[in-house]
Every structure is written in structure tokens, then in C-alpha cells.
Protein backbone atom coordinates (compact mmCIF):
# COMPACT_ATOMS: atom_id res chain seq x y z
CA MET A 1 -88.85 62.04 30.55
CA ARG A 2 -87.69 58.79 32.16
CA LEU A 3 -87.74 56.21 29.53
CA ASP A 4 -86.87 53.42 32.27
CA LYS A 5 -90.56 53.80 33.55
CA PHE A 6 -92.27 52.47 29.83
CA LEU A 7 -89.52 49.92 28.20
CA PRO A 8 -87.04 47.71 29.86
CA ALA A 9 -84.01 49.16 31.96
CA ALA A 10 -81.56 47.62 28.74
CA LEU A 11 -83.28 49.12 26.00
CA ALA A 12 -83.60 52.99 27.84
CA SER A 13 -79.58 52.47 28.52
CA TYR A 14 -79.63 51.63 24.89
CA LEU A 15 -81.95 54.38 23.66
CA GLN A 16 -80.13 57.42 26.15
CA SER A 17 -76.38 56.49 24.89
CA LYS A 18 -77.56 56.38 20.62
CA GLN A 19 -79.38 59.85 21.37
CA ARG A 20 -75.93 60.84 23.56
CA ALA A 21 -73.41 59.64 20.71
CA THR A 22 -76.10 61.48 18.14
CA PHE A 23 -75.32 64.39 20.18
CA TYR A 24 -71.72 64.18 20.83
CA ARG A 25 -71.73 63.74 17.10
CA TYR A 26 -73.69 66.45 15.83
CA ALA A 27 -71.09 68.56 17.48
CA LEU A 28 -68.41 67.35 16.63
CA VAL A 29 -69.56 67.84 12.90
CA ALA A 30 -70.61 71.74 13.92
CA ALA A 31 -66.85 72.01 15.84
CA LEU A 32 -65.29 71.65 12.70
CA MET A 33 -67.12 73.75 10.69
CA ALA A 34 -66.67 76.28 13.07
CA VAL A 35 -62.84 75.54 12.52
CA VAL A 36 -63.30 75.01 8.53
CA CYS A 37 -65.12 78.96 8.82
CA ILE A 38 -62.71 80.43 11.37
CA ILE A 39 -59.10 79.47 8.56
CA GLY A 40 -61.32 80.59 5.47
CA LEU A 41 -62.19 83.52 7.05
CA LEU A 42 -58.35 84.27 7.81
CA ALA A 43 -57.24 82.69 4.61
CA LEU A 44 -59.54 85.47 3.42
CA GLY A 45 -59.09 88.70 5.11
CA GLU A 46 -54.71 87.55 4.37
CA SER A 47 -54.75 87.20 0.78
CA PRO A 48 -54.64 90.80 -1.06
């Protein structure tokens, strides 16, 4: 979808950069949760 057909170029680029920042934030949170889960599973696996 091309936003610059309907919106001014500056506003379109701002919205696209905001969406990209939101995606990176969710990806970072998901990666941190995966690392925490892996560390937790390793700790549980090594506990007696």
C-alpha cells in the first residue's frame, strides 16, 4: 500500500517510520522473552 498517494510525503514517511519502530519494539520484546524462557528452561533442566 502506497501511503504517499493519499498523504503528503512527510506525513507518509513519518507514519512508515513509526510503524517500523513499533515492529522493532515488538521484535525486541519477543526476543527478550525467548531468551528468558530458554534461560529458565535450562535452569529448570539443571536443577535436581
